[in-house]
Amino acid sequence: MFLRNAWYVGALSKDIDRSLFATRMLKEDIVLYRKEDGSVAALEDSCPHRRLPLSKGRLLGDQVECGYHGLTFDCSGACTVAPGLKQIPKSAVVRSYPCVERYGMVWVWMGDPELADESSLIQIDEWDNPEWGVNSGDAMELDCNYLYVTDNLLDPSHVSWVHQTSFGNSDIIGLPLKVDVEDSGVTVSRWSTNVEVAPFYKQFVKFDGKCDRKQHYEVRFPSLAVIKAIFLPAGSQTENPSEYHKDVFLMDSYNLLTPIDENRTRYFWFQLRNFSPDDQKVSEVFNHDVRFAFMEDKAILEEVHANLKEKPAALDLPLDSGPMRFRRRMAQLIEAEQTEKTAETA
């Protein structure tokens, strides 16, 4: 059901401190906390004795004490204290998860710890670029399977109906889509030439009149999306970034999906922009308007999930090519991972 040998966002960095933070990822309960040296630890949130969540216990130094009978576990998941016992039981152990902080978020490796590789995290060159503004991350939960969200994030067409007052307008309806499939994921994109600037972007572009617009919707396996919005003055379309018009508008939106279980998804995001790097008011507008647009997605996707559980879809449309190819490849990756795991335990 899920690809486990991958990094998923467990929490926003600002939410993790010297308290016990409970979360659920890929149907596994996890407790996160910040160690005394400032780094983050992640443990299975379940005492092996009576399964009380460790998040209901206490943090003692860098160790977690169960709130039921005092079994205490270190950052590796080993039990170090078992009150009343002469010897700690071998089964007194909880799983420990590799984790790392980057881009204001805590990433957790959900698969084989020996395969955890920080270099496989997405690299964002603009993150430390002083000429780019960063819209700090946010998060929300959706009552739908994460694959319905990846479907949505590989569908530039939906903005003309779902986001009429923000990201979309009627000028781009029906324009053809280009689908590219690579080892890392699937990208759906298209150029719209000599069209109106969509409402959200109109308040920020540096030019007047119509535009050439590129929608770039890229979803990397298993569930990380990079949505690029490019606006140029009409007549200056180019595929070469080095030849962009001086007044080009660039916004890169990073959308990070963590499946909670098969019916719920936690959605994290942040945006980068090539203007107003230190303007807090611009960031506030981004925060408000982007969240509003994502709430529009949430309403649609929760209805889709609920209704497709009751009655399967009766047709596919040409615009579904990107999402369908992503799903097929994801199914192959999950099957290969499960087959390899079965072979190792045989």
C-alpha atoms as a PDB file:
ATOM      1  CA  MET A   1       0.000   0.000   0.000  1.00  0.00           C
ATOM      2  CA  PHE A   2       2.869   2.405   0.752  1.00  0.00           C
ATOM      3  CA  LEU A   3       6.448   2.760  -0.428  1.00  0.00           C
ATOM      4  CA  ARG A   4       8.425   2.573   2.815  1.00  0.00           C
ATOM      5  CA  ASN A   5      12.026   3.105   1.768  1.00  0.00           C
ATOM      6  CA  ALA A   6      11.583   6.836   1.417  1.00  0.00           C
ATOM      7  CA  TRP A   7      11.661  10.091   3.386  1.00  0.00           C
ATOM      8  CA  TYR A   8       8.313  11.483   4.536  1.00  0.00           C
ATOM      9  CA  VAL A   9       7.647  14.680   6.461  1.00  0.00           C
ATOM     10  CA  GLY A  10       6.733  13.898  10.053  1.00  0.00           C
ATOM     11  CA  ALA A  11       6.229  17.426  11.367  1.00  0.00           C
ATOM     12  CA  LEU A  12       7.150  21.071  10.985  1.00  0.00           C
ATOM     13  CA  SER A  13      10.418  21.777  12.800  1.00  0.00           C
ATOM     14  CA  LYS A  14       8.765  24.541  14.805  1.00  0.00           C
ATOM     15  CA  ASP A  15       6.367  22.007  16.337  1.00  0.00           C
ATOM     16  CA  ILE A  16       9.072  19.752  17.789  1.00  0.00           C
ATOM     17  CA  ASP A  17      10.557  20.755  21.136  1.00  0.00           C
ATOM     18  CA  ARG A  18      11.391  19.167  24.503  1.00  0.00           C
ATOM     19  CA  SER A  19       7.977  17.556  24.712  1.00  0.00           C
ATOM     20  CA  LEU A  20       6.607  14.354  23.214  1.00  0.00           C
ATOM     21  CA  PHE A  21       4.936  14.885  19.831  1.00  0.00           C
ATOM     22  CA  ALA A  22       2.653  12.068  18.661  1.00  0.00           C
ATOM     23  CA  THR A  23       1.976  11.517  14.983  1.00  0.00           C
ATOM     24  CA  ARG A  24       0.877   8.717  12.661  1.00  0.00           C
ATOM     25  CA  MET A  25       2.565   7.913   9.357  1.00  0.00           C
ATOM     26  CA  LEU A  26       1.926   5.022   6.961  1.00  0.00           C
ATOM     27  CA  LYS A  27      -0.331   3.402   9.614  1.00  0.00           C
ATOM     28  CA  GLU A  28       2.488   3.510  12.185  1.00  0.00           C
ATOM     29  CA  ASP A  29       2.326   5.550  15.407  1.00  0.00           C
ATOM     30  CA  ILE A  30       5.485   7.561  16.045  1.00  0.00           C
ATOM     31  CA  VAL A  31       6.638   9.889  18.814  1.00  0.00           C
ATOM     32  CA  LEU A  32       9.018  12.720  17.927  1.00  0.00           C
ATOM     33  CA  TYR A  33      11.028  14.848  20.349  1.00  0.00           C
ATOM     34  CA  ARG A  34      14.018  17.131  20.392  1.00  0.00           C
ATOM     35  CA  LYS A  35      17.066  15.799  22.180  1.00  0.00           C
ATOM     36  CA  GLU A  36      19.213  17.895  24.495  1.00  0.00           C
ATOM     37  CA  ASP A  37      21.693  18.551  21.657  1.00  0.00           C
ATOM     38  CA  GLY A  38      18.875  19.974  19.512  1.00  0.00           C
ATOM     39  CA  SER A  39      18.555  17.085  17.070  1.00  0.00           C
ATOM     40  CA  VAL A  40      15.316  15.133  16.664  1.00  0.00           C
ATOM     41  CA  ALA A  41      14.605  11.535  17.682  1.00  0.00           C
ATOM     42  CA  ALA A  42      11.760   9.340  16.426  1.00  0.00           C
ATOM     43  CA  LEU A  43      10.521   6.205  18.196  1.00  0.00           C
ATOM     44  CA  GLU A  44       7.639   3.793  17.825  1.00  0.00           C
ATOM     45  CA  ASP A  45       4.876   5.309  19.927  1.00  0.00           C
ATOM     46  CA  SER A  46       3.910   2.094  21.707  1.00  0.00           C
ATOM     47  CA  CYS A  47       5.318   0.521  24.846  1.00  0.00           C
ATOM     48  CA  PRO A  48       5.777  -3.232  24.168  1.00  0.00           C
ATOM     49  CA  HIS A  49       4.307  -4.149  27.588  1.00  0.00           C
ATOM     50  CA  ARG A  50       0.688  -2.937  27.429  1.00  0.00           C
ATOM     51  CA  ARG A  51       0.918  -0.721  24.338  1.00  0.00           C
ATOM     52  CA  LEU A  52       0.368   2.565  26.104  1.00  0.00           C
ATOM     53  CA  PRO A  53       1.668   5.262  23.723  1.00  0.00           C
ATOM     54  CA  LEU A  54       5.075   6.468  24.853  1.00  0.00           C
ATOM     55  CA  SER A  55       3.855   9.972  24.036  1.00  0.00           C
ATOM     56  CA  LYS A  56       1.665   9.622  27.154  1.00  0.00           C
ATOM     57  CA  GLY A  57       4.808   9.232  29.276  1.00  0.00           C
ATOM     58  CA  ARG A  58       7.691  11.536  30.199  1.00  0.00           C
ATOM     59  CA  LEU A  59      10.867  12.740  28.550  1.00  0.00           C
ATOM     60  CA  LEU A  60      13.846  12.199  30.854  1.00  0.00           C
ATOM     61  CA  GLY A  61      16.961  13.663  29.304  1.00  0.00           C
ATOM     62  CA  ASP A  62      17.052  12.001  25.893  1.00  0.00           C
ATOM     63  CA  GLN A  63      15.041   8.961  27.007  1.00  0.00           C
ATOM     64  CA  VAL A  64      11.305   8.294  27.148  1.00  0.00           C
ATOM     65  CA  GLU A  65       9.687   6.784  30.221  1.00  0.00           C
ATOM     66  CA  CYS A  66       6.420   4.909  29.764  1.00  0.00           C
ATOM     67  CA  GLY A  67       3.620   6.395  31.833  1.00  0.00           C
ATOM     68  CA  TYR A  68       2.242   3.006  32.902  1.00  0.00           C
ATOM     69  CA  HIS A  69       5.080   1.036  34.564  1.00  0.00           C
ATOM     70  CA  GLY A  70       8.181   3.129  33.979  1.00  0.00           C
ATOM     71  CA  LEU A  71       9.914   1.144  31.235  1.00  0.00           C
ATOM     72  CA  THR A  72      12.380   3.609  29.753  1.00  0.00           C
ATOM     73  CA  PHE A  73      13.727   3.675  26.198  1.00  0.00           C
ATOM     74  CA  ASP A  74      16.708   5.484  24.692  1.00  0.00           C
ATOM     75  CA  CYS A  75      16.944   7.046  21.230  1.00  0.00           C
ATOM     76  CA  SER A  76      17.903   3.725  19.661  1.00  0.00           C
ATOM     77  CA  GLY A  77      14.729   2.111  21.007  1.00  0.00           C
ATOM     78  CA  ALA A  78      16.550  -0.022  23.584  1.00  0.00           C
ATOM     79  CA  CYS A  79      15.067  -0.370  27.052  1.00  0.00           C
ATOM     80  CA  THR A  80      17.466   0.995  29.672  1.00  0.00           C
ATOM     81  CA  VAL A  81      15.285   0.835  32.789  1.00  0.00           C
ATOM     82  CA  ALA A  82      12.743  -1.827  33.811  1.00  0.00           C
ATOM     83  CA  PRO A  83      11.632  -1.065  37.395  1.00  0.00           C
ATOM     84  CA  GLY A  84      11.273  -4.112  39.622  1.00  0.00           C
ATOM     85  CA  LEU A  85      13.101  -6.464  37.249  1.00  0.00           C
ATOM     86  CA  LYS A  86      16.598  -7.848  37.758  1.00  0.00           C
ATOM     87  CA  GLN A  87      17.081  -8.179  34.027  1.00  0.00           C
ATOM     88  CA  ILE A  88      15.615  -6.217  31.161  1.00  0.00           C
ATOM     89  CA  PRO A  89      13.548  -8.515  28.878  1.00  0.00           C
ATOM     90  CA  LYS A  90      14.960  -8.963  25.375  1.00  0.00           C
ATOM     91  CA  SER A  91      11.560  -8.083  23.921  1.00  0.00           C
ATOM     92  CA  ALA A  92      11.570  -4.719  25.699  1.00  0.00           C
ATOM     93  CA  VAL A  93      12.464  -2.724  22.599  1.00  0.00           C
ATOM     94  CA  VAL A  94      10.745  -0.220  20.329  1.00  0.00           C
ATOM     95  CA  ARG A  95      11.554   0.732  16.771  1.00  0.00           C
ATOM     96  CA  SER A  96      13.740   3.760  16.135  1.00  0.00           C
ATOM     97  CA  TYR A  97      13.411   5.751  12.903  1.00  0.00           C
ATOM     98  CA  PRO A  98      16.150   7.766  11.159  1.00  0.00           C
ATOM     99  CA  CYS A  99      15.177  11.409  10.878  1.00  0.00           C
ATOM    100  CA  VAL A 100      16.692  14.634   9.613  1.00  0.00           C
ATOM    101  CA  GLU A 101      15.694  18.298   9.531  1.00  0.00           C
ATOM    102  CA  ARG A 102      15.651  20.255   6.300  1.00  0.00           C
ATOM    103  CA  TYR A 103      13.592  23.129   4.852  1.00  0.00           C
ATOM    104  CA  GLY A 104      11.896  23.773   8.181  1.00  0.00           C
ATOM    105  CA  MET A 105      10.577  20.226   8.398  1.00  0.00           C
ATOM    106  CA  VAL A 106      11.409  16.949  10.128  1.00  0.00           C
ATOM    107  CA  TRP A 107      11.783  14.081   7.652  1.00  0.00           C
ATOM    108  CA  VAL A 108      11.398  10.482   8.824  1.00  0.00           C
ATOM    109  CA  TRP A 109      12.692   7.385   7.009  1.00  0.00           C
ATOM    110  CA  MET A 110       9.924   4.804   7.189  1.00  0.00           C
ATOM    111  CA  GLY A 111      11.727   1.805   5.723  1.00  0.00           C
ATOM    112  CA  ASP A 112      14.938  -0.140   6.324  1.00  0.00           C
ATOM    113  CA  PRO A 113      17.168   2.113   8.493  1.00  0.00           C
ATOM    114  CA  GLU A 114      20.283   0.848   6.726  1.00  0.00           C
ATOM    115  CA  LEU A 115      18.980   2.319   3.465  1.00  0.00           C
ATOM    116  CA  ALA A 116      18.346   5.800   4.864  1.00  0.00           C
ATOM    117  CA  ASP A 117      20.378   8.280   2.810  1.00  0.00           C
ATOM    118  CA  GLU A 118      20.123  12.019   3.427  1.00  0.00           C
ATOM    119  CA  SER A 119      21.482  12.738  -0.055  1.00  0.00           C
ATOM    120  CA  SER A 120      18.261  11.317  -1.516  1.00  0.00           C
ATOM    121  CA  LEU A 121      16.269  14.210  -0.052  1.00  0.00           C
ATOM    122  CA  ILE A 122      15.181  16.779  -2.594  1.00  0.00           C
ATOM    123  CA  GLN A 123      17.754  19.510  -3.236  1.00  0.00           C
ATOM    124  CA  ILE A 124      16.375  23.061  -3.458  1.00  0.00           C
ATOM    125  CA  ASP A 125      19.031  25.456  -4.743  1.00  0.00           C
ATOM    126  CA  GLU A 126      16.849  28.541  -4.236  1.00  0.00           C
ATOM    127  CA  TRP A 127      16.318  27.851  -0.528  1.00  0.00           C
ATOM    128  CA  ASP A 128      19.435  29.788   0.479  1.00  0.00           C
ATOM    129  CA  ASN A 129      19.330  32.266  -2.416  1.00  0.00           C
ATOM    130  CA  PRO A 130      19.064  35.787  -0.907  1.00  0.00           C
ATOM    131  CA  GLU A 131      17.188  36.978  -4.004  1.00  0.00           C
ATOM    132  CA  TRP A 132      14.331  34.529  -3.415  1.00  0.00           C
ATOM    133  CA  GLY A 133      11.581  34.855  -0.845  1.00  0.00           C
ATOM    134  CA  VAL A 134      10.483  31.831   1.181  1.00  0.00           C
ATOM    135  CA  ASN A 135       6.921  31.333   2.275  1.00  0.00           C
ATOM    136  CA  SER A 136       7.168  29.367   5.514  1.00  0.00           C
ATOM    137  CA  GLY A 137       5.629  25.912   5.621  1.00  0.00           C
ATOM    138  CA  ASP A 138       2.148  25.005   6.717  1.00  0.00           C
ATOM    139  CA  ALA A 139       0.151  21.786   7.036  1.00  0.00           C
ATOM    140  CA  MET A 140      -3.350  20.347   7.054  1.00  0.00           C
ATOM    141  CA  GLU A 141      -5.055  16.939   7.076  1.00  0.00           C
ATOM    142  CA  LEU A 142      -7.264  15.580   4.326  1.00  0.00           C
ATOM    143  CA  ASP A 143      -9.761  12.754   4.681  1.00  0.00           C
ATOM    144  CA  CYS A 144      -8.635  11.039   1.508  1.00  0.00           C
ATOM    145  CA  ASN A 145      -6.030   8.624   0.203  1.00  0.00           C
ATOM    146  CA  TYR A 146      -2.738  10.267  -0.764  1.00  0.00           C
ATOM    147  CA  LEU A 147      -3.022   8.997  -4.358  1.00  0.00           C
ATOM    148  CA  TYR A 148      -6.071  11.190  -4.928  1.00  0.00           C
ATOM    149  CA  VAL A 149      -3.861  14.110  -3.927  1.00  0.00           C
ATOM    150  CA  THR A 150      -1.090  13.066  -6.329  1.00  0.00           C
ATOM    151  CA  ASP A 151      -3.784  12.770  -9.018  1.00  0.00           C
ATOM    152  CA  ASN A 152      -4.726  16.373  -8.283  1.00  0.00           C
ATOM    153  CA  LEU A 153      -1.111  17.544  -8.274  1.00  0.00           C
ATOM    154  CA  LEU A 154      -0.596  16.055 -11.741  1.00  0.00           C
ATOM    155  CA  ASP A 155      -3.659  17.795 -13.158  1.00  0.00           C
ATOM    156  CA  PRO A 156      -3.133  21.400 -14.324  1.00  0.00           C
ATOM    157  CA  SER A 157      -6.629  21.351 -15.847  1.00  0.00           C
ATOM    158  CA  HIS A 158      -8.507  21.409 -12.552  1.00  0.00           C
ATOM    159  CA  VAL A 159      -7.428  24.954 -11.664  1.00  0.00           C
ATOM    160  CA  SER A 160      -9.913  26.483 -14.126  1.00  0.00           C
ATOM    161  CA  TRP A 161     -12.814  25.059 -12.109  1.00  0.00           C
ATOM    162  CA  VAL A 162     -11.596  24.502  -8.560  1.00  0.00           C
ATOM    163  CA  HIS A 163      -9.495  27.694  -8.288  1.00  0.00           C
ATOM    164  CA  GLN A 164     -11.386  30.206 -10.409  1.00  0.00           C
ATOM    165  CA  THR A 165     -10.627  33.103  -8.054  1.00  0.00           C
ATOM    166  CA  SER A 166      -6.956  32.275  -7.506  1.00  0.00           C
ATOM    167  CA  PHE A 167      -4.791  30.071  -9.741  1.00  0.00           C
ATOM    168  CA  GLY A 168      -7.114  29.479 -12.695  1.00  0.00           C
ATOM    169  CA  ASN A 169      -9.087  31.234 -15.405  1.00  0.00           C
ATOM    170  CA  SER A 170     -11.040  30.311 -18.518  1.00  0.00           C
ATOM    171  CA  ASP A 171      -8.257  31.201 -20.983  1.00  0.00           C
ATOM    172  CA  ILE A 172      -6.388  27.948 -20.329  1.00  0.00           C
ATOM    173  CA  ILE A 173      -9.303  25.516 -20.597  1.00  0.00           C
ATOM    174  CA  GLY A 174      -8.701  22.673 -23.043  1.00  0.00           C
ATOM    175  CA  LEU A 175      -5.094  23.442 -23.873  1.00  0.00           C
ATOM    176  CA  PRO A 176      -3.020  20.273 -24.504  1.00  0.00           C
ATOM    177  CA  LEU A 177      -0.875  18.712 -21.785  1.00  0.00           C
ATOM    178  CA  LYS A 178       2.640  17.298 -22.095  1.00  0.00           C
ATOM    179  CA  VAL A 179       3.428  14.215 -19.965  1.00  0.00           C
ATOM    180  CA  ASP A 180       7.019  13.205 -19.136  1.00  0.00           C
ATOM    181  CA  VAL A 181       7.845  10.048 -17.190  1.00  0.00           C
ATOM    182  CA  GLU A 182      11.273   9.693 -15.569  1.00  0.00           C
ATOM    183  CA  ASP A 183      12.829   7.432 -12.937  1.00  0.00           C
ATOM    184  CA  SER A 184      12.151  10.059 -10.270  1.00  0.00           C
ATOM    185  CA  GLY A 185       8.520  10.698 -11.097  1.00  0.00           C
ATOM    186  CA  VAL A 186       6.007  12.142 -13.562  1.00  0.00           C
ATOM    187  CA  THR A 187       5.673  15.708 -14.864  1.00  0.00           C
ATOM    188  CA  VAL A 188       2.642  17.223 -16.574  1.00  0.00           C
ATOM    189  CA  SER A 189       3.130  20.669 -18.115  1.00  0.00           C
ATOM    190  CA  ARG A 190       1.809  23.100 -20.698  1.00  0.00           C
ATOM    191  CA  TRP A 191       2.363  26.589 -22.044  1.00  0.00           C
ATOM    192  CA  SER A 192      -0.525  29.008 -22.436  1.00  0.00           C
ATOM    193  CA  THR A 193       0.266  31.941 -24.712  1.00  0.00           C
ATOM    194  CA  ASN A 194      -1.310  35.386 -24.801  1.00  0.00           C
ATOM    195  CA  VAL A 195      -3.727  34.691 -21.934  1.00  0.00           C
ATOM    196  CA  GLU A 196      -4.952  36.689 -18.970  1.00  0.00           C
ATOM    197  CA  VAL A 197      -2.921  36.544 -15.772  1.00  0.00           C
ATOM    198  CA  ALA A 198      -4.810  34.460 -13.189  1.00  0.00           C
ATOM    199  CA  PRO A 199      -6.175  36.426 -10.189  1.00  0.00           C
ATOM    200  CA  PHE A 200      -3.679  35.315  -7.516  1.00  0.00           C
ATOM    201  CA  TYR A 201      -0.648  36.109  -9.673  1.00  0.00           C
ATOM    202  CA  LYS A 202      -1.959  39.417 -11.018  1.00  0.00           C
ATOM    203  CA  GLN A 203      -1.146  41.157  -7.737  1.00  0.00           C
ATOM    204  CA  PHE A 204       2.541  40.205  -8.052  1.00  0.00           C
ATOM    205  CA  VAL A 205       3.591  40.206 -11.729  1.00  0.00           C
ATOM    206  CA  LYS A 206       5.751  43.171 -12.766  1.00  0.00           C
ATOM    207  CA  PHE A 207       4.225  43.674 -16.211  1.00  0.00           C
ATOM    208  CA  ASP A 208       0.858  44.803 -17.577  1.00  0.00           C
ATOM    209  CA  GLY A 209      -1.380  43.076 -20.066  1.00  0.00           C
ATOM    210  CA  LYS A 210      -1.560  39.440 -21.090  1.00  0.00           C
ATOM    211  CA  CYS A 211       1.024  36.779 -20.435  1.00  0.00           C
ATOM    212  CA  ASP A 212       2.644  33.587 -21.568  1.00  0.00           C
ATOM    213  CA  ARG A 213       2.184  31.116 -18.738  1.00  0.00           C
ATOM    214  CA  LYS A 214       3.727  27.753 -17.983  1.00  0.00           C
ATOM    215  CA  GLN A 215       2.155  25.261 -15.584  1.00  0.00           C
ATOM    216  CA  HIS A 216       4.686  22.661 -14.435  1.00  0.00           C
ATOM    217  CA  TYR A 217       3.221  19.915 -12.230  1.00  0.00           C
ATOM    218  CA  GLU A 218       5.867  17.432 -11.133  1.00  0.00           C
ATOM    219  CA  VAL A 219       5.301  14.621  -8.622  1.00  0.00           C
ATOM    220  CA  ARG A 220       8.287  12.607  -7.473  1.00  0.00           C
ATOM    221  CA  PHE A 221       7.949   9.139  -6.017  1.00  0.00           C
ATOM    222  CA  PRO A 222       6.475   8.465  -3.587  1.00  0.00           C
ATOM    223  CA  SER A 223       4.561  11.674  -2.821  1.00  0.00           C
ATOM    224  CA  LEU A 224       6.510  14.921  -3.228  1.00  0.00           C
ATOM    225  CA  ALA A 225       5.229  17.517  -5.700  1.00  0.00           C
ATOM    226  CA  VAL A 226       6.982  20.522  -7.192  1.00  0.00           C
ATOM    227  CA  ILE A 227       4.530  22.924  -8.807  1.00  0.00           C
ATOM    228  CA  LYS A 228       6.239  25.657 -10.849  1.00  0.00           C
ATOM    229  CA  ALA A 229       4.343  28.739 -11.994  1.00  0.00           C
ATOM    230  CA  ILE A 230       6.046  30.820 -14.698  1.00  0.00           C
ATOM    231  CA  PHE A 231       4.562  34.067 -16.031  1.00  0.00           C
ATOM    232  CA  LEU A 232       6.189  36.083 -18.815  1.00  0.00           C
ATOM    233  CA  PRO A 233       4.938  39.074 -20.801  1.00  0.00           C
ATOM    234  CA  ALA A 234       2.927  37.837 -23.788  1.00  0.00           C
ATOM    235  CA  GLY A 235       5.164  36.938 -26.716  1.00  0.00           C
ATOM    236  CA  SER A 236       8.264  36.075 -24.669  1.00  0.00           C
ATOM    237  CA  GLN A 237       7.689  32.338 -24.065  1.00  0.00           C
ATOM    238  CA  THR A 238      10.899  30.314 -23.845  1.00  0.00           C
ATOM    239  CA  GLU A 239      11.923  26.923 -22.470  1.00  0.00           C
ATOM    240  CA  ASN A 240      15.372  28.255 -21.533  1.00  0.00           C
ATOM    241  CA  PRO A 241      15.422  29.883 -18.076  1.00  0.00           C
ATOM    242  CA  SER A 242      18.534  31.879 -18.987  1.00  0.00           C
ATOM    243  CA  GLU A 243      16.462  33.631 -21.659  1.00  0.00           C
ATOM    244  CA  TYR A 244      13.496  34.550 -19.473  1.00  0.00           C
ATOM    245  CA  HIS A 245      12.250  38.109 -19.724  1.00  0.00           C
ATOM    246  CA  LYS A 246      13.628  40.357 -16.964  1.00  0.00           C
ATOM    247  CA  ASP A 247      10.131  40.715 -15.481  1.00  0.00           C
ATOM    248  CA  VAL A 248       9.503  36.983 -15.234  1.00  0.00           C
ATOM    249  CA  PHE A 249       7.413  35.784 -12.291  1.00  0.00           C
ATOM    250  CA  LEU A 250       8.583  32.490 -10.795  1.00  0.00           C
ATOM    251  CA  MET A 251       6.915  30.599  -7.971  1.00  0.00           C
ATOM    252  CA  ASP A 252       7.935  27.105  -6.896  1.00  0.00           C
ATOM    253  CA  SER A 253       5.442  25.403  -4.613  1.00  0.00           C
ATOM    254  CA  TYR A 254       6.615  22.323  -2.717  1.00  0.00           C
ATOM    255  CA  ASN A 255       3.785  20.009  -1.706  1.00  0.00           C
ATOM    256  CA  LEU A 256       4.759  17.135   0.588  1.00  0.00           C
ATOM    257  CA  LEU A 257       2.315  14.330   1.257  1.00  0.00           C
ATOM    258  CA  THR A 258       2.533  11.931   4.182  1.00  0.00           C
ATOM    259  CA  PRO A 259      -0.038   9.136   4.181  1.00  0.00           C
ATOM    260  CA  ILE A 260      -1.537   8.737   7.657  1.00  0.00           C
ATOM    261  CA  ASP A 261      -3.359   5.594   6.588  1.00  0.00           C
ATOM    262  CA  GLU A 262      -5.324   4.497   3.528  1.00  0.00           C
ATOM    263  CA  ASN A 263      -8.056   7.081   4.219  1.00  0.00           C
ATOM    264  CA  ARG A 264      -6.155  10.132   5.456  1.00  0.00           C
ATOM    265  CA  THR A 265      -3.246  12.261   4.295  1.00  0.00           C
ATOM    266  CA  ARG A 266      -1.192  14.947   5.987  1.00  0.00           C
ATOM    267  CA  TYR A 267      -0.339  17.720   3.517  1.00  0.00           C
ATOM    268  CA  PHE A 268       2.708  19.958   4.116  1.00  0.00           C
ATOM    269  CA  TRP A 269       3.802  22.814   1.873  1.00  0.00           C
ATOM    270  CA  PHE A 270       5.963  25.873   1.364  1.00  0.00           C
ATOM    271  CA  GLN A 271       6.636  28.244  -1.555  1.00  0.00           C
ATOM    272  CA  LEU A 272       9.652  30.058  -2.970  1.00  0.00           C
ATOM    273  CA  ARG A 273       9.413  33.145  -5.181  1.00  0.00           C
ATOM    274  CA  ASN A 274      11.913  35.180  -7.212  1.00  0.00           C
ATOM    275  CA  PHE A 275      10.902  38.537  -5.716  1.00  0.00           C
ATOM    276  CA  SER A 276      10.384  40.387  -2.418  1.00  0.00           C
ATOM    277  CA  PRO A 277      12.744  38.153  -0.430  1.00  0.00           C
ATOM    278  CA  ASP A 278      12.339  40.080   2.841  1.00  0.00           C
ATOM    279  CA  ASP A 279       8.765  41.344   2.495  1.00  0.00           C
ATOM    280  CA  GLN A 280       6.721  39.847   5.318  1.00  0.00           C
ATOM    281  CA  LYS A 281       3.489  41.317   3.960  1.00  0.00           C
ATOM    282  CA  VAL A 282       3.960  39.464   0.680  1.00  0.00           C
ATOM    283  CA  SER A 283       4.576  36.255   2.623  1.00  0.00           C
ATOM    284  CA  GLU A 284       1.392  36.816   4.604  1.00  0.00           C
ATOM    285  CA  VAL A 285      -0.600  37.188   1.384  1.00  0.00           C
ATOM    286  CA  PHE A 286       0.963  33.980   0.072  1.00  0.00           C
ATOM    287  CA  ASN A 287       0.153  32.170   3.317  1.00  0.00           C
ATOM    288  CA  HIS A 288      -3.473  33.257   3.293  1.00  0.00           C
ATOM    289  CA  ASP A 289      -4.222  32.809  -0.406  1.00  0.00           C
ATOM    290  CA  VAL A 290      -2.356  29.531  -0.865  1.00  0.00           C
ATOM    291  CA  ARG A 291      -4.059  27.979   2.159  1.00  0.00           C
ATOM    292  CA  PHE A 292      -7.424  29.163   0.822  1.00  0.00           C
ATOM    293  CA  ALA A 293      -6.729  27.484  -2.532  1.00  0.00           C
ATOM    294  CA  PHE A 294      -5.594  24.272  -0.854  1.00  0.00           C
ATOM    295  CA  MET A 295      -8.786  24.255   1.208  1.00  0.00           C
ATOM    296  CA  GLU A 296     -10.661  24.313  -2.103  1.00  0.00           C
ATOM    297  CA  ASP A 297      -8.692  21.200  -3.120  1.00  0.00           C
ATOM    298  CA  LYS A 298      -9.423  19.592   0.244  1.00  0.00           C
ATOM    299  CA  ALA A 299     -13.182  19.976  -0.198  1.00  0.00           C
ATOM    300  CA  ILE A 300     -13.082  18.392  -3.669  1.00  0.00           C
ATOM    301  CA  LEU A 301     -10.717  15.542  -2.810  1.00  0.00           C
ATOM    302  CA  GLU A 302     -12.580  14.470   0.316  1.00  0.00           C
ATOM    303  CA  GLU A 303     -15.771  14.203  -1.732  1.00  0.00           C
ATOM    304  CA  VAL A 304     -13.924  12.250  -4.444  1.00  0.00           C
ATOM    305  CA  HIS A 305     -12.509   9.796  -1.888  1.00  0.00           C
ATOM    306  CA  ALA A 306     -15.849   9.227  -0.177  1.00  0.00           C
ATOM    307  CA  ASN A 307     -17.794   8.768  -3.403  1.00  0.00           C
ATOM    308  CA  LEU A 308     -15.255   6.527  -5.152  1.00  0.00           C
ATOM    309  CA  LYS A 309     -15.357   4.195  -2.135  1.00  0.00           C
ATOM    310  CA  GLU A 310     -19.070   3.773  -2.802  1.00  0.00           C
ATOM    311  CA  LYS A 311     -19.001   3.733  -6.603  1.00  0.00           C
ATOM    312  CA  PRO A 312     -15.962   3.415  -8.914  1.00  0.00           C
ATOM    313  CA  ALA A 313     -15.330   5.897 -11.697  1.00  0.00           C
ATOM    314  CA  ALA A 314     -17.055   5.117 -14.999  1.00  0.00           C
ATOM    315  CA  LEU A 315     -14.538   6.760 -17.335  1.00  0.00           C
ATOM    316  CA  ASP A 316     -11.096   8.297 -17.710  1.00  0.00           C
ATOM    317  CA  LEU A 317     -10.268  11.478 -19.620  1.00  0.00           C
ATOM    318  CA  PRO A 318      -7.150  12.393 -21.614  1.00  0.00           C
ATOM    319  CA  LEU A 319      -6.111  14.707 -18.759  1.00  0.00           C
ATOM    320  CA  ASP A 320      -5.812  11.593 -16.539  1.00  0.00           C
ATOM    321  CA  SER A 321      -2.744  10.325 -18.425  1.00  0.00           C
ATOM    322  CA  GLY A 322      -0.209  11.789 -15.969  1.00  0.00           C
ATOM    323  CA  PRO A 323      -1.944  10.551 -12.795  1.00  0.00           C
ATOM    324  CA  MET A 324      -2.529   7.081 -14.264  1.00  0.00           C
ATOM    325  CA  ARG A 325       1.103   6.681 -15.302  1.00  0.00           C
ATOM    326  CA  PHE A 326       2.223   7.809 -11.853  1.00  0.00           C
ATOM    327  CA  ARG A 327      -0.065   5.271 -10.177  1.00  0.00           C
ATOM    328  CA  ARG A 328       1.143   2.433 -12.389  1.00  0.00           C
ATOM    329  CA  ARG A 329       4.782   3.167 -11.595  1.00  0.00           C
ATOM    330  CA  MET A 330       4.056   3.548  -7.879  1.00  0.00           C
ATOM    331  CA  ALA A 331       2.351   0.152  -7.850  1.00  0.00           C
ATOM    332  CA  GLN A 332       5.429  -1.367  -9.511  1.00  0.00           C
ATOM    333  CA  LEU A 333       7.784   0.225  -6.969  1.00  0.00           C
ATOM    334  CA  ILE A 334       5.695  -0.968  -4.012  1.00  0.00           C
ATOM    335  CA  GLU A 335       5.443  -4.489  -5.430  1.00  0.00           C
ATOM    336  CA  ALA A 336       9.211  -4.624  -6.028  1.00  0.00           C
ATOM    337  CA  GLU A 337       9.910  -3.426  -2.477  1.00  0.00           C
ATOM    338  CA  GLN A 338       7.547  -5.987  -0.965  1.00  0.00           C
ATOM    339  CA  THR A 339       8.987  -8.792  -3.110  1.00  0.00           C
ATOM    340  CA  GLU A 340      12.509  -7.922  -2.002  1.00  0.00           C
ATOM    341  CA  LYS A 341      11.459  -7.834   1.650  1.00  0.00           C
ATOM    342  CA  THR A 342       9.767 -11.230   1.334  1.00  0.00           C
ATOM    343  CA  ALA A 343      12.883 -12.707  -0.259  1.00  0.00           C
ATOM    344  CA  GLU A 344      15.085 -11.381   2.571  1.00  0.00           C
ATOM    345  CA  THR A 345      12.901 -12.990   5.249  1.00  0.00           C
ATOM    346  CA  ALA A 346      12.435 -16.311   3.445  1.00  0.00           C
END
